[in-house]
Every structure is written in C-alpha cells, then in structure tokens.
PDB file of N, CA and C in Angstrom:
ATOM      1  N   MET A   1     -32.024  40.741  -9.342  1.00  0.00           N
ATOM      2  CA  MET A   1     -31.893  39.284  -9.643  1.00  0.00           C
ATOM      3  C   MET A   1     -31.146  39.091 -10.857  1.00  0.00           C
ATOM      4  N   SER A   2     -31.185  39.990 -11.873  1.00  0.00           N
ATOM      5  CA  SER A   2     -30.468  39.847 -13.172  1.00  0.00           C
ATOM      6  C   SER A   2     -28.990  39.991 -12.876  1.00  0.00           C
ATOM      7  N   ASP A   3     -28.531  40.810 -11.901  1.00  0.00           N
ATOM      8  CA  ASP A   3     -27.127  40.864 -11.547  1.00  0.00           C
ATOM      9  C   ASP A   3     -26.491  39.539 -11.041  1.00  0.00           C
ATOM     10  N   ASP A   4     -27.344  38.835 -10.241  1.00  0.00           N
ATOM     11  CA  ASP A   4     -26.922  37.584  -9.885  1.00  0.00           C
ATOM     12  C   ASP A   4     -26.790  36.547 -10.888  1.00  0.00           C
ATOM     13  N   SER A   5     -27.752  36.526 -11.780  1.00  0.00           N
ATOM     14  CA  SER A   5     -27.671  35.621 -12.889  1.00  0.00           C
ATOM     15  C   SER A   5     -26.549  35.892 -13.921  1.00  0.00           C
ATOM     16  N   ALA A   6     -26.259  37.235 -14.152  1.00  0.00           N
ATOM     17  CA  ALA A   6     -25.238  37.657 -15.018  1.00  0.00           C
ATOM     18  C   ALA A   6     -23.860  37.339 -14.389  1.00  0.00           C
ATOM     19  N   TRP A   7     -23.736  37.470 -13.077  1.00  0.00           N
ATOM     20  CA  TRP A   7     -22.498  36.970 -12.392  1.00  0.00           C
ATOM     21  C   TRP A   7     -22.268  35.502 -12.491  1.00  0.00           C
ATOM     22  N   GLN A   8     -23.389  34.725 -12.277  1.00  0.00           N
ATOM     23  CA  GLN A   8     -23.201  33.322 -12.449  1.00  0.00           C
ATOM     24  C   GLN A   8     -22.814  32.765 -13.800  1.00  0.00           C
ATOM     25  N   GLU A   9     -23.358  33.455 -14.793  1.00  0.00           N
ATOM     26  CA  GLU A   9     -23.031  33.120 -16.194  1.00  0.00           C
ATOM     27  C   GLU A   9     -21.473  33.468 -16.454  1.00  0.00           C
ATOM     28  N   GLN A  10     -21.066  34.633 -15.852  1.00  0.00           N
ATOM     29  CA  GLN A  10     -19.749  35.088 -16.224  1.00  0.00           C
ATOM     30  C   GLN A  10     -18.820  34.123 -15.403  1.00  0.00           C
ATOM     31  N   ALA A  11     -19.122  33.669 -14.222  1.00  0.00           N
ATOM     32  CA  ALA A  11     -18.233  32.718 -13.422  1.00  0.00           C
ATOM     33  C   ALA A  11     -18.304  31.390 -14.179  1.00  0.00           C
ATOM     34  N   ARG A  12     -19.428  30.866 -14.648  1.00  0.00           N
ATOM     35  CA  ARG A  12     -19.474  29.626 -15.430  1.00  0.00           C
ATOM     36  C   ARG A  12     -18.559  29.666 -16.622  1.00  0.00           C
ATOM     37  N   SER A  13     -18.684  30.723 -17.281  1.00  0.00           N
ATOM     38  CA  SER A  13     -17.832  30.828 -18.551  1.00  0.00           C
ATOM     39  C   SER A  13     -16.410  30.907 -18.173  1.00  0.00           C
ATOM     40  N   ALA A  14     -16.112  31.595 -17.103  1.00  0.00           N
ATOM     41  CA  ALA A  14     -14.718  31.649 -16.664  1.00  0.00           C
ATOM     42  C   ALA A  14     -14.170  30.332 -16.271  1.00  0.00           C
ATOM     43  N   LEU A  15     -14.840  29.537 -15.630  1.00  0.00           N
ATOM     44  CA  LEU A  15     -14.589  28.266 -15.097  1.00  0.00           C
ATOM     45  C   LEU A  15     -14.399  27.260 -16.262  1.00  0.00           C
ATOM     46  N   HIS A  16     -15.319  27.337 -17.319  1.00  0.00           N
ATOM     47  CA  HIS A  16     -15.269  26.411 -18.423  1.00  0.00           C
ATOM     48  C   HIS A  16     -14.035  26.763 -19.339  1.00  0.00           C
ATOM     49  N   SER A  17     -13.627  28.010 -19.281  1.00  0.00           N
ATOM     50  CA  SER A  17     -12.457  28.334 -20.011  1.00  0.00           C
ATOM     51  C   SER A  17     -11.098  27.922 -19.445  1.00  0.00           C
ATOM     52  N   LEU A  18     -11.053  27.441 -18.262  1.00  0.00           N
ATOM     53  CA  LEU A  18      -9.907  26.923 -17.640  1.00  0.00           C
ATOM     54  C   LEU A  18      -9.624  25.614 -18.263  1.00  0.00           C
ATOM     55  N   SER A  19      -8.241  25.351 -18.423  1.00  0.00           N
ATOM     56  CA  SER A  19      -7.756  24.082 -18.898  1.00  0.00           C
ATOM     57  C   SER A  19      -7.063  23.390 -17.857  1.00  0.00           C
ATOM     58  N   PRO A  20      -7.269  22.041 -17.725  1.00  0.00           N
ATOM     59  CA  PRO A  20      -6.653  21.282 -16.649  1.00  0.00           C
ATOM     60  C   PRO A  20      -5.166  21.286 -16.895  1.00  0.00           C
ATOM     61  N   ARG A  21      -4.464  21.303 -15.758  1.00  0.00           N
ATOM     62  CA  ARG A  21      -2.905  21.259 -15.825  1.00  0.00           C
ATOM     63  C   ARG A  21      -2.637  19.797 -16.195  1.00  0.00           C
ATOM     64  N   PRO A  22      -1.654  19.562 -16.947  1.00  0.00           N
ATOM     65  CA  PRO A  22      -1.232  18.102 -17.284  1.00  0.00           C
ATOM     66  C   PRO A  22      -0.831  17.562 -16.020  1.00  0.00           C
ATOM     67  N   ARG A  23      -1.135  16.383 -15.772  1.00  0.00           N
ATOM     68  CA  ARG A  23      -0.731  15.548 -14.572  1.00  0.00           C
ATOM     69  C   ARG A  23       0.599  14.982 -14.732  1.00  0.00           C
ATOM     70  N   THR A  24       1.467  15.328 -13.748  1.00  0.00           N
ATOM     71  CA  THR A  24       2.747  14.793 -13.808  1.00  0.00           C
ATOM     72  C   THR A  24       2.837  13.656 -12.902  1.00  0.00           C
ATOM     73  N   THR A  25       3.598  12.529 -13.402  1.00  0.00           N
ATOM     74  CA  THR A  25       3.758  11.405 -12.533  1.00  0.00           C
ATOM     75  C   THR A  25       4.765  11.571 -11.346  1.00  0.00           C
ATOM     76  N   THR A  26       4.508  11.018 -10.209  1.00  0.00           N
ATOM     77  CA  THR A  26       5.252  11.220  -9.202  1.00  0.00           C
ATOM     78  C   THR A  26       6.532  10.199  -9.236  1.00  0.00           C
ATOM     79  N   LYS A  27       7.493  10.529  -8.522  1.00  0.00           N
ATOM     80  CA  LYS A  27       8.714   9.699  -8.420  1.00  0.00           C
ATOM     81  C   LYS A  27       8.368   8.202  -7.975  1.00  0.00           C
ATOM     82  N   ALA A  28       7.337   8.095  -7.148  1.00  0.00           N
ATOM     83  CA  ALA A  28       6.964   6.768  -6.680  1.00  0.00           C
ATOM     84  C   ALA A  28       6.272   6.094  -7.735  1.00  0.00           C
ATOM     85  N   GLU A  29       5.458   6.710  -8.506  1.00  0.00           N
ATOM     86  CA  GLU A  29       4.680   6.122  -9.591  1.00  0.00           C
ATOM     87  C   GLU A  29       5.715   5.637 -10.725  1.00  0.00           C
ATOM     88  N   ARG A  30       6.798   6.485 -11.036  1.00  0.00           N
ATOM     89  CA  ARG A  30       7.787   6.066 -12.016  1.00  0.00           C
ATOM     90  C   ARG A  30       8.539   4.920 -11.498  1.00  0.00           C
ATOM     91  N   PHE A  31       8.957   4.996 -10.099  1.00  0.00           N
ATOM     92  CA  PHE A  31       9.648   3.905  -9.544  1.00  0.00           C
ATOM     93  C   PHE A  31       8.817   2.522  -9.715  1.00  0.00           C
ATOM     94  N   ARG A  32       7.510   2.682  -9.355  1.00  0.00           N
ATOM     95  CA  ARG A  32       6.663   1.519  -9.390  1.00  0.00           C
ATOM     96  C   ARG A  32       6.527   0.859 -10.894  1.00  0.00           C
ATOM     97  N   THR A  33       6.526   1.694 -11.887  1.00  0.00           N
ATOM     98  CA  THR A  33       6.450   1.164 -13.209  1.00  0.00           C
ATOM     99  C   THR A  33       7.754   0.537 -13.579  1.00  0.00           C
ATOM    100  N   MET A  34       8.897   0.909 -12.952  1.00  0.00           N
ATOM    101  CA  MET A  34      10.148   0.239 -13.295  1.00  0.00           C
ATOM    102  C   MET A  34      10.491  -0.933 -12.328  1.00  0.00           C
ATOM    103  N   LEU A  35       9.569  -1.152 -11.398  1.00  0.00           N
ATOM    104  CA  LEU A  35      10.016  -2.243 -10.376  1.00  0.00           C
ATOM    105  C   LEU A  35      10.288  -3.563 -10.911  1.00  0.00           C
ATOM    106  N   PRO A  36       9.653  -4.131 -11.870  1.00  0.00           N
ATOM    107  CA  PRO A  36       9.995  -5.411 -12.439  1.00  0.00           C
ATOM    108  C   PRO A  36      11.373  -5.361 -13.018  1.00  0.00           C
ATOM    109  N   ASP A  37      11.731  -4.385 -13.705  1.00  0.00           N
ATOM    110  CA  ASP A  37      13.010  -4.205 -14.289  1.00  0.00           C
ATOM    111  C   ASP A  37      14.100  -4.030 -13.150  1.00  0.00           C
ATOM    112  N   ILE A  38      13.830  -3.351 -12.116  1.00  0.00           N
ATOM    113  CA  ILE A  38      14.760  -3.121 -11.105  1.00  0.00           C
ATOM    114  C   ILE A  38      14.929  -4.605 -10.290  1.00  0.00           C
ATOM    115  N   GLU A  39      13.879  -5.181 -10.105  1.00  0.00           N
ATOM    116  CA  GLU A  39      13.988  -6.499  -9.409  1.00  0.00           C
ATOM    117  C   GLU A  39      14.811  -7.465 -10.283  1.00  0.00           C
ATOM    118  N   ALA A  40      14.610  -7.466 -11.585  1.00  0.00           N
ATOM    119  CA  ALA A  40      15.386  -8.359 -12.466  1.00  0.00           C
ATOM    120  C   ALA A  40      16.834  -7.946 -12.379  1.00  0.00           C
ATOM    121  N   SER A  41      17.117  -6.723 -12.355  1.00  0.00           N
ATOM    122  CA  SER A  41      18.520  -6.334 -12.222  1.00  0.00           C
ATOM    123  C   SER A  41      19.162  -6.738 -10.910  1.00  0.00           C
ATOM    124  N   ILE A  42      18.420  -6.664  -9.871  1.00  0.00           N
ATOM    125  CA  ILE A  42      18.878  -7.117  -8.559  1.00  0.00           C
ATOM    126  C   ILE A  42      19.169  -8.608  -8.556  1.00  0.00           C
ATOM    127  N   ARG A  43      18.249  -9.328  -9.179  1.00  0.00           N
ATOM    128  CA  ARG A  43      18.453 -10.848  -9.281  1.00  0.00           C
ATOM    129  C   ARG A  43      19.801 -11.120 -10.117  1.00  0.00           C
ATOM    130  N   ASN A  44      20.088 -10.270 -11.036  1.00  0.00           N
ATOM    131  CA  ASN A  44      21.322 -10.436 -11.938  1.00  0.00           C
ATOM    132  C   ASN A  44      22.567  -9.883 -11.182  1.00  0.00           C
ATOM    133  N   ASP A  45      22.477  -9.664  -9.913  1.00  0.00           N
ATOM    134  CA  ASP A  45      23.596  -9.221  -9.050  1.00  0.00           C
ATOM    135  C   ASP A  45      24.146  -7.778  -9.614  1.00  0.00           C
ATOM    136  N   ILE A  46      23.283  -6.968 -10.024  1.00  0.00           N
ATOM    137  CA  ILE A  46      23.782  -5.655 -10.290  1.00  0.00           C
ATOM    138  C   ILE A  46      23.550  -4.907  -8.994  1.00  0.00           C
ATOM    139  N   SER A  47      24.539  -4.057  -8.550  1.00  0.00           N
ATOM    140  CA  SER A  47      24.435  -3.259  -7.340  1.00  0.00           C
ATOM    141  C   SER A  47      23.378  -2.196  -7.393  1.00  0.00           C
ATOM    142  N   HIS A  48      22.993  -1.892  -6.113  1.00  0.00           N
ATOM    143  CA  HIS A  48      22.032  -0.840  -6.162  1.00  0.00           C
ATOM    144  C   HIS A  48      22.601   0.493  -6.665  1.00  0.00           C
ATOM    145  N   ALA A  49      23.818   0.790  -6.314  1.00  0.00           N
ATOM    146  CA  ALA A  49      24.509   2.088  -6.892  1.00  0.00           C
ATOM    147  C   ALA A  49      24.498   2.055  -8.477  1.00  0.00           C
ATOM    148  N   ASP A  50      24.753   0.963  -9.068  1.00  0.00           N
ATOM    149  CA  ASP A  50      24.638   1.043 -10.536  1.00  0.00           C
ATOM    150  C   ASP A  50      23.132   1.182 -11.007  1.00  0.00           C
ATOM    151  N   ILE A  51      22.224   0.628 -10.301  1.00  0.00           N
ATOM    152  CA  ILE A  51      20.780   0.763 -10.656  1.00  0.00           C
ATOM    153  C   ILE A  51      20.338   2.209 -10.457  1.00  0.00           C
ATOM    154  N   ILE A  52      20.762   2.817  -9.375  1.00  0.00           N
ATOM    155  CA  ILE A  52      20.408   4.248  -9.032  1.00  0.00           C
ATOM    156  C   ILE A  52      21.074   5.109 -10.190  1.00  0.00           C
ATOM    157  N   ALA A  53      22.363   4.850 -10.594  1.00  0.00           N
ATOM    158  CA  ALA A  53      22.906   5.618 -11.637  1.00  0.00           C
ATOM    159  C   ALA A  53      22.152   5.579 -12.908  1.00  0.00           C
ATOM    160  N   ALA A  54      21.815   4.301 -13.274  1.00  0.00           N
ATOM    161  CA  ALA A  54      21.084   4.067 -14.562  1.00  0.00           C
ATOM    162  C   ALA A  54      19.735   4.785 -14.540  1.00  0.00           C
ATOM    163  N   LEU A  55      19.019   4.787 -13.321  1.00  0.00           N
ATOM    164  CA  LEU A  55      17.712   5.430 -13.221  1.00  0.00           C
ATOM    165  C   LEU A  55      17.965   7.062 -13.371  1.00  0.00           C
ATOM    166  N   ALA A  56      19.065   7.449 -12.787  1.00  0.00           N
ATOM    167  CA  ALA A  56      19.361   8.937 -12.811  1.00  0.00           C
ATOM    168  C   ALA A  56      19.513   9.325 -14.323  1.00  0.00           C
ATOM    169  N   ARG A  57      20.287   8.459 -15.091  1.00  0.00           N
ATOM    170  CA  ARG A  57      20.533   8.842 -16.428  1.00  0.00           C
ATOM    171  C   ARG A  57      19.137   8.762 -17.257  1.00  0.00           C
ATOM    172  N   ALA A  58      18.212   8.169 -16.743  1.00  0.00           N
ATOM    173  CA  ALA A  58      16.916   8.046 -17.508  1.00  0.00           C
ATOM    174  C   ALA A  58      16.004   9.167 -16.931  1.00  0.00           C
ATOM    175  N   GLY A  59      16.465   9.929 -15.850  1.00  0.00           N
ATOM    176  CA  GLY A  59      15.563  11.110 -15.368  1.00  0.00           C
ATOM    177  C   GLY A  59      15.008  10.754 -14.074  1.00  0.00           C
ATOM    178  N   LEU A  60      15.170   9.626 -13.438  1.00  0.00           N
ATOM    179  CA  LEU A  60      14.634   9.403 -12.088  1.00  0.00           C
ATOM    180  C   LEU A  60      15.724   9.381 -11.091  1.00  0.00           C
ATOM    181  N   THR A  61      16.035  10.565 -10.577  1.00  0.00           N
ATOM    182  CA  THR A  61      17.101  10.685  -9.634  1.00  0.00           C
ATOM    183  C   THR A  61      16.676  10.432  -8.157  1.00  0.00           C
ATOM    184  N   MET A  62      17.526   9.536  -7.480  1.00  0.00           N
ATOM    185  CA  MET A  62      17.237   9.162  -6.149  1.00  0.00           C
ATOM    186  C   MET A  62      18.377   8.997  -5.367  1.00  0.00           C
ATOM    187  N   THR A  63      18.397   9.281  -4.097  1.00  0.00           N
ATOM    188  CA  THR A  63      19.448   8.890  -3.213  1.00  0.00           C
ATOM    189  C   THR A  63      19.399   7.437  -2.918  1.00  0.00           C
ATOM    190  N   GLU A  64      20.498   6.903  -2.305  1.00  0.00           N
ATOM    191  CA  GLU A  64      20.576   5.541  -2.072  1.00  0.00           C
ATOM    192  C   GLU A  64      19.425   5.205  -0.930  1.00  0.00           C
ATOM    193  N   SER A  65      19.134   6.108   0.002  1.00  0.00           N
ATOM    194  CA  SER A  65      18.160   5.844   0.966  1.00  0.00           C
ATOM    195  C   SER A  65      16.784   5.909   0.348  1.00  0.00           C
ATOM    196  N   GLU A  66      16.527   6.900  -0.529  1.00  0.00           N
ATOM    197  CA  GLU A  66      15.260   6.984  -1.253  1.00  0.00           C
ATOM    198  C   GLU A  66      15.030   5.647  -1.965  1.00  0.00           C
ATOM    199  N   PHE A  67      16.069   5.119  -2.698  1.00  0.00           N
ATOM    200  CA  PHE A  67      15.924   3.996  -3.338  1.00  0.00           C
ATOM    201  C   PHE A  67      15.554   2.755  -2.507  1.00  0.00           C
ATOM    202  N   ARG A  68      16.289   2.601  -1.430  1.00  0.00           N
ATOM    203  CA  ARG A  68      16.050   1.503  -0.530  1.00  0.00           C
ATOM    204  C   ARG A  68      14.781   1.574   0.107  1.00  0.00           C
ATOM    205  N   ASN A  69      14.230   2.819   0.557  1.00  0.00           N
ATOM    206  CA  ASN A  69      12.815   2.949   1.138  1.00  0.00           C
ATOM    207  C   ASN A  69      11.893   2.669  -0.025  1.00  0.00           C
ATOM    208  N   ALA A  70      11.989   3.161  -1.185  1.00  0.00           N
ATOM    209  CA  ALA A  70      11.003   2.849  -2.246  1.00  0.00           C
ATOM    210  C   ALA A  70      10.923   1.358  -2.615  1.00  0.00           C
ATOM    211  N   LEU A  71      12.128   0.779  -2.664  1.00  0.00           N
ATOM    212  CA  LEU A  71      12.046  -0.695  -2.952  1.00  0.00           C
ATOM    213  C   LEU A  71      11.449  -1.409  -1.781  1.00  0.00           C
ATOM    214  N   CYS A  72      11.604  -1.155  -0.489  1.00  0.00           N
ATOM    215  CA  CYS A  72      11.057  -1.809   0.572  1.00  0.00           C
ATOM    216  C   CYS A  72       9.580  -1.617   0.553  1.00  0.00           C
ATOM    217  N   ARG A  73       9.149  -0.388   0.309  1.00  0.00           N
ATOM    218  CA  ARG A  73       7.738   0.115   0.297  1.00  0.00           C
ATOM    219  C   ARG A  73       6.996  -0.678  -0.870  1.00  0.00           C
ATOM    220  N   GLU A  74       7.590  -0.758  -2.019  1.00  0.00           N
ATOM    221  CA  GLU A  74       6.863  -1.375  -3.145  1.00  0.00           C
ATOM    222  C   GLU A  74       6.787  -2.874  -2.929  1.00  0.00           C
ATOM    223  N   ARG A  75       7.881  -3.555  -2.347  1.00  0.00           N
ATOM    224  CA  ARG A  75       7.933  -5.026  -2.066  1.00  0.00           C
ATOM    225  C   ARG A  75       6.787  -5.359  -1.147  1.00  0.00           C
ATOM    226  N   LYS A  76       6.620  -4.465  -0.059  1.00  0.00           N
ATOM    227  CA  LYS A  76       5.566  -4.643   0.960  1.00  0.00           C
ATOM    228  C   LYS A  76       4.208  -4.548   0.219  1.00  0.00           C
ATOM    229  N   ARG A  77       4.139  -3.501  -0.609  1.00  0.00           N
ATOM    230  CA  ARG A  77       2.804  -3.333  -1.398  1.00  0.00           C
ATOM    231  C   ARG A  77       2.527  -4.571  -2.250  1.00  0.00           C
ATOM    232  N   GLN A  78       3.565  -5.096  -2.885  1.00  0.00           N
ATOM    233  CA  GLN A  78       3.325  -6.345  -3.788  1.00  0.00           C
ATOM    234  C   GLN A  78       3.002  -7.388  -2.959  1.00  0.00           C
ATOM    235  N   LYS A  79       3.595  -7.627  -1.832  1.00  0.00           N
ATOM    236  CA  LYS A  79       3.295  -8.763  -0.774  1.00  0.00           C
ATOM    237  C   LYS A  79       1.884  -8.681  -0.274  1.00  0.00           C
ATOM    238  N   GLY A  80       1.450  -7.496  -0.162  1.00  0.00           N
ATOM    239  CA  GLY A  80       0.015  -7.389   0.423  1.00  0.00           C
ATOM    240  C   GLY A  80      -0.990  -7.567  -0.681  1.00  0.00           C
ATOM    241  N   LYS A  81      -0.634  -7.510  -2.033  1.00  0.00           N
ATOM    242  CA  LYS A  81      -1.660  -7.691  -2.961  1.00  0.00           C
ATOM    243  C   LYS A  81      -2.083  -9.244  -3.186  1.00  0.00           C
ATOM    244  N   PRO A  82      -3.283  -9.585  -3.440  1.00  0.00           N
ATOM    245  CA  PRO A  82      -3.585 -10.855  -3.552  1.00  0.00           C
ATOM    246  C   PRO A  82      -3.057 -11.285  -4.864  1.00  0.00           C
ATOM    247  N   SER A  83      -2.450 -12.498  -4.851  1.00  0.00           N
ATOM    248  CA  SER A  83      -1.966 -13.016  -6.221  1.00  0.00           C
ATOM    249  C   SER A  83      -3.037 -13.551  -7.116  1.00  0.00           C
ATOM    250  N   GLU A  84      -2.674 -13.884  -8.261  1.00  0.00           N
ATOM    251  CA  GLU A  84      -3.663 -14.366  -9.251  1.00  0.00           C
ATOM    252  C   GLU A  84      -4.227 -15.749  -8.808  1.00  0.00           C
ATOM    253  N   THR A  85      -3.425 -16.603  -8.133  1.00  0.00           N
ATOM    254  CA  THR A  85      -3.937 -17.879  -7.750  1.00  0.00           C
ATOM    255  C   THR A  85      -4.800 -17.787  -6.538  1.00  0.00           C
ATOM    256  N   SER A  86      -4.603 -16.749  -5.668  1.00  0.00           N
ATOM    257  CA  SER A  86      -5.507 -16.690  -4.505  1.00  0.00           C
ATOM    258  C   SER A  86      -6.861 -16.030  -4.921  1.00  0.00           C
ATOM    259  N   LYS A  87      -6.908 -15.404  -6.105  1.00  0.00           N
ATOM    260  CA  LYS A  87      -8.206 -14.856  -6.571  1.00  0.00           C
ATOM    261  C   LYS A  87      -9.026 -15.974  -6.996  1.00  0.00           C
ATOM    262  N   THR A  88      -8.473 -16.951  -7.519  1.00  0.00           N
ATOM    263  CA  THR A  88      -9.382 -18.155  -8.166  1.00  0.00           C
ATOM    264  C   THR A  88      -9.673 -19.059  -7.054  1.00  0.00           C
ATOM    265  N   GLN A  89      -9.006 -19.209  -5.959  1.00  0.00           N
ATOM    266  CA  GLN A  89      -9.335 -20.228  -4.854  1.00  0.00           C
ATOM    267  C   GLN A  89     -10.265 -19.563  -3.944  1.00  0.00           C
ATOM    268  N   PRO A  90     -11.287 -20.483  -3.474  1.00  0.00           N
ATOM    269  CA  PRO A  90     -12.244 -19.893  -2.480  1.00  0.00           C
ATOM    270  C   PRO A  90     -11.628 -19.696  -1.114  1.00  0.00           C
ATOM    271  N   PRO A  91     -12.187 -18.705  -0.368  1.00  0.00           N
ATOM    272  CA  PRO A  91     -11.572 -18.469   1.006  1.00  0.00           C
ATOM    273  C   PRO A  91     -11.644 -19.625   1.865  1.00  0.00           C
ATOM    274  N   ALA A  92     -10.851 -19.750   2.764  1.00  0.00           N
ATOM    275  CA  ALA A  92     -10.666 -20.853   3.652  1.00  0.00           C
ATOM    276  C   ALA A  92     -11.882 -20.876   4.649  1.00  0.00           C
ATOM    277  N   ALA A  93     -12.338 -21.994   5.051  1.00  0.00           N
ATOM    278  CA  ALA A  93     -13.532 -22.013   6.045  1.00  0.00           C
ATOM    279  C   ALA A  93     -12.968 -21.521   7.300  1.00  0.00           C
ATOM    280  N   PRO A  94     -13.853 -20.905   8.070  1.00  0.00           N
ATOM    281  CA  PRO A  94     -13.398 -20.414   9.520  1.00  0.00           C
ATOM    282  C   PRO A  94     -13.310 -21.500  10.370  1.00  0.00           C
ATOM    283  N   THR A  95     -12.322 -21.408  11.161  1.00  0.00           N
ATOM    284  CA  THR A  95     -12.096 -22.510  12.188  1.00  0.00           C
ATOM    285  C   THR A  95     -13.010 -22.278  13.370  1.00  0.00           C
ATOM    286  N   PRO A  96     -13.521 -23.338  13.998  1.00  0.00           N
ATOM    287  CA  PRO A  96     -14.429 -23.110  15.222  1.00  0.00           C
ATOM    288  C   PRO A  96     -13.611 -22.550  16.352  1.00  0.00           C
ATOM    289  N   ALA A  97     -14.439 -21.723  17.056  1.00  0.00           N
ATOM    290  CA  ALA A  97     -13.743 -21.067  18.240  1.00  0.00           C
ATOM    291  C   ALA A  97     -13.570 -21.986  19.327  1.00  0.00           C
ATOM    292  N   ALA A  98     -12.608 -21.942  20.133  1.00  0.00           N
ATOM    293  CA  ALA A  98     -12.425 -22.803  21.283  1.00  0.00           C
ATOM    294  C   ALA A  98     -13.539 -22.706  22.311  1.00  0.00           C
ATOM    295  N   ALA A  99     -13.744 -23.754  23.124  1.00  0.00           N
ATOM    296  CA  ALA A  99     -14.785 -23.615  24.102  1.00  0.00           C
ATOM    297  C   ALA A  99     -14.332 -22.610  25.088  1.00  0.00           C
ATOM    298  N   PRO A 100     -15.280 -21.835  25.726  1.00  0.00           N
ATOM    299  CA  PRO A 100     -14.774 -20.890  26.673  1.00  0.00           C
ATOM    300  C   PRO A 100     -13.963 -21.266  27.935  1.00  0.00           C
ATOM    301  N   ASN A 101     -14.348 -22.486  28.346  1.00  0.00           N
ATOM    302  CA  ASN A 101     -13.698 -22.926  29.624  1.00  0.00           C
ATOM    303  C   ASN A 101     -12.344 -23.702  29.352  1.00  0.00           C
ATOM    304  N   GLN A 102     -12.100 -23.954  28.068  1.00  0.00           N
ATOM    305  CA  GLN A 102     -10.883 -24.741  27.732  1.00  0.00           C
ATOM    306  C   GLN A 102      -9.702 -23.703  27.530  1.00  0.00           C
ATOM    307  N   PRO A 103      -8.583 -24.078  28.064  1.00  0.00           N
ATOM    308  CA  PRO A 103      -7.379 -23.175  27.937  1.00  0.00           C
ATOM    309  C   PRO A 103      -6.992 -23.223  26.503  1.00  0.00           C
ATOM    310  N   THR A 104      -6.571 -21.992  25.954  1.00  0.00           N
ATOM    311  CA  THR A 104      -6.159 -21.869  24.634  1.00  0.00           C
ATOM    312  C   THR A 104      -4.541 -21.888  24.665  1.00  0.00           C
ATOM    313  N   ALA A 105      -4.047 -21.838  23.447  1.00  0.00           N
ATOM    314  CA  ALA A 105      -2.531 -21.914  23.287  1.00  0.00           C
ATOM    315  C   ALA A 105      -2.056 -20.637  23.694  1.00  0.00           C
ATOM    316  N   THR A 106      -2.769 -19.529  23.599  1.00  0.00           N
ATOM    317  CA  THR A 106      -2.325 -18.163  23.863  1.00  0.00           C
ATOM    318  C   THR A 106      -2.440 -17.786  25.293  1.00  0.00           C
ATOM    319  N   ARG A 107      -3.186 -18.681  26.070  1.00  0.00           N
ATOM    320  CA  ARG A 107      -3.385 -18.346  27.468  1.00  0.00           C
ATOM    321  C   ARG A 107      -2.259 -18.855  28.327  1.00  0.00           C
ATOM    322  N   LYS A 108      -1.725 -18.008  29.093  1.00  0.00           N
ATOM    323  CA  LYS A 108      -0.428 -18.418  29.894  1.00  0.00           C
ATOM    324  C   LYS A 108      -0.993 -18.804  31.286  1.00  0.00           C
ATOM    325  N   PRO A 109      -0.222 -19.734  31.987  1.00  0.00           N
ATOM    326  CA  PRO A 109      -0.642 -20.173  33.318  1.00  0.00           C
ATOM    327  C   PRO A 109      -0.634 -19.008  34.186  1.00  0.00           C
ATOM    328  N   GLY A 110      -1.668 -18.823  35.065  1.00  0.00           N
ATOM    329  CA  GLY A 110      -1.863 -17.812  36.014  1.00  0.00           C
ATOM    330  C   GLY A 110      -2.592 -16.557  35.364  1.00  0.00           C
ATOM    331  N   ASP A 111      -2.875 -16.644  34.083  1.00  0.00           N
ATOM    332  CA  ASP A 111      -3.640 -15.538  33.419  1.00  0.00           C
ATOM    333  C   ASP A 111      -5.033 -15.690  33.647  1.00  0.00           C
ATOM    334  N   HIS A 112      -5.671 -15.033  34.659  1.00  0.00           N
ATOM    335  CA  HIS A 112      -7.175 -15.220  34.967  1.00  0.00           C
ATOM    336  C   HIS A 112      -8.044 -14.099  34.214  1.00  0.00           C
ATOM    337  N   ARG A 113      -7.414 -13.441  33.370  1.00  0.00           N
ATOM    338  CA  ARG A 113      -8.334 -12.310  32.740  1.00  0.00           C
ATOM    339  C   ARG A 113      -9.528 -12.910  32.048  1.00  0.00           C
ATOM    340  N   GLN A 114      -9.253 -14.046  31.353  1.00  0.00           N
ATOM    341  CA  GLN A 114     -10.379 -14.672  30.582  1.00  0.00           C
ATOM    342  C   GLN A 114     -11.387 -15.191  31.479  1.00  0.00           C
ATOM    343  N   SER A 115     -11.240 -15.571  32.643  1.00  0.00           N
ATOM    344  CA  SER A 115     -12.208 -16.175  33.460  1.00  0.00           C
ATOM    345  C   SER A 115     -12.666 -15.221  34.605  1.00  0.00           C
ATOM    346  N   ARG A 116     -12.498 -14.011  34.303  1.00  0.00           N
ATOM    347  CA  ARG A 116     -12.817 -12.935  35.391  1.00  0.00           C
ATOM    348  C   ARG A 116     -14.318 -13.013  35.822  1.00  0.00           C
ATOM    349  N   ASP A 117     -15.304 -13.232  34.990  1.00  0.00           N
ATOM    350  CA  ASP A 117     -16.614 -13.193  35.359  1.00  0.00           C
ATOM    351  C   ASP A 117     -17.136 -14.559  35.554  1.00  0.00           C
ATOM    352  N   ARG A 118     -16.332 -15.673  35.636  1.00  0.00           N
ATOM    353  CA  ARG A 118     -16.891 -16.954  35.980  1.00  0.00           C
ATOM    354  C   ARG A 118     -16.550 -17.348  37.401  1.00  0.00           C
ATOM    355  N   ASN A 119     -17.338 -18.255  37.940  1.00  0.00           N
ATOM    356  CA  ASN A 119     -17.083 -18.758  39.308  1.00  0.00           C
ATOM    357  C   ASN A 119     -15.849 -19.624  39.255  1.00  0.00           C
ATOM    358  N   PRO A 120     -15.022 -19.582  40.258  1.00  0.00           N
ATOM    359  CA  PRO A 120     -13.766 -20.457  40.122  1.00  0.00           C
ATOM    360  C   PRO A 120     -14.141 -21.894  40.312  1.00  0.00           C
ATOM    361  N   ASN A 121     -13.406 -22.729  39.664  1.00  0.00           N
ATOM    362  CA  ASN A 121     -13.687 -24.172  39.729  1.00  0.00           C
ATOM    363  C   ASN A 121     -12.546 -24.738  40.651  1.00  0.00           C
ATOM    364  N   TRP A 122     -12.783 -24.701  41.990  1.00  0.00           N
ATOM    365  CA  TRP A 122     -11.894 -25.181  42.984  1.00  0.00           C
ATOM    366  C   TRP A 122     -11.925 -26.518  43.005  1.00  0.00           C
TER     367      TRP A 122
END
C-alpha cells in the first residue's frame, strides 16, 4: 500500500511542477478584435487588398478568400448577437395561434395534410 501512495505523491508533484503553455490567440480571434477598424476602413472605401496588406504588415497574414470568409462569418456573428437596445426592451407577446379549422396563410389550396384526422366538411 505504501508503494501506491508513494507513486501517487510522485505523480502529484510531477503534475504540479508542470507549467501551463502560454495561450496563443487564433487568427479568428485577432481578426475579431480588429473588426471595428476593418469595417471602418471598408466604409472609407479602402479596398480589401489594401486592408489585407496592412493586416499582413501587422502580423496577421490572410489570403483574400480567408479575409472574405472571416468578414462574412464575423458579420453574421454580429448580426446574431442581441443589440443593446433589444436587451432593455421586453420580449414581444406571443401571437395567438390560428383556429385549427381556419386556413392559414401558409396552407396551399389542395393541401389536405393538416386536416388528415378530421371528418371532411362536404
């Protein structure tokens, strides 16, 4: 039993002596932090090629397709985030569901799938 406890102590001391690797930021994270400046440059009619070259001089090398993909991805991400104004507004009240026998706007003529279990109203 003492061999097991000695091994555990040795393993613990070995694990505690390990130092964590410094975390490096990913290309996407660096792009994300620069996004407001990139968007401002685009609004000022600076070409994507010039923006890519400036980012490369700063150490963020990207191809043109990587740049466009990252830009599209981050814009979608920003669009999906709730804005500050929507956080303060209460959620909208749910709309009442349509009556089951009433045709809805999405129901097409001749589409009988919704009334499959009902008796036909001839």
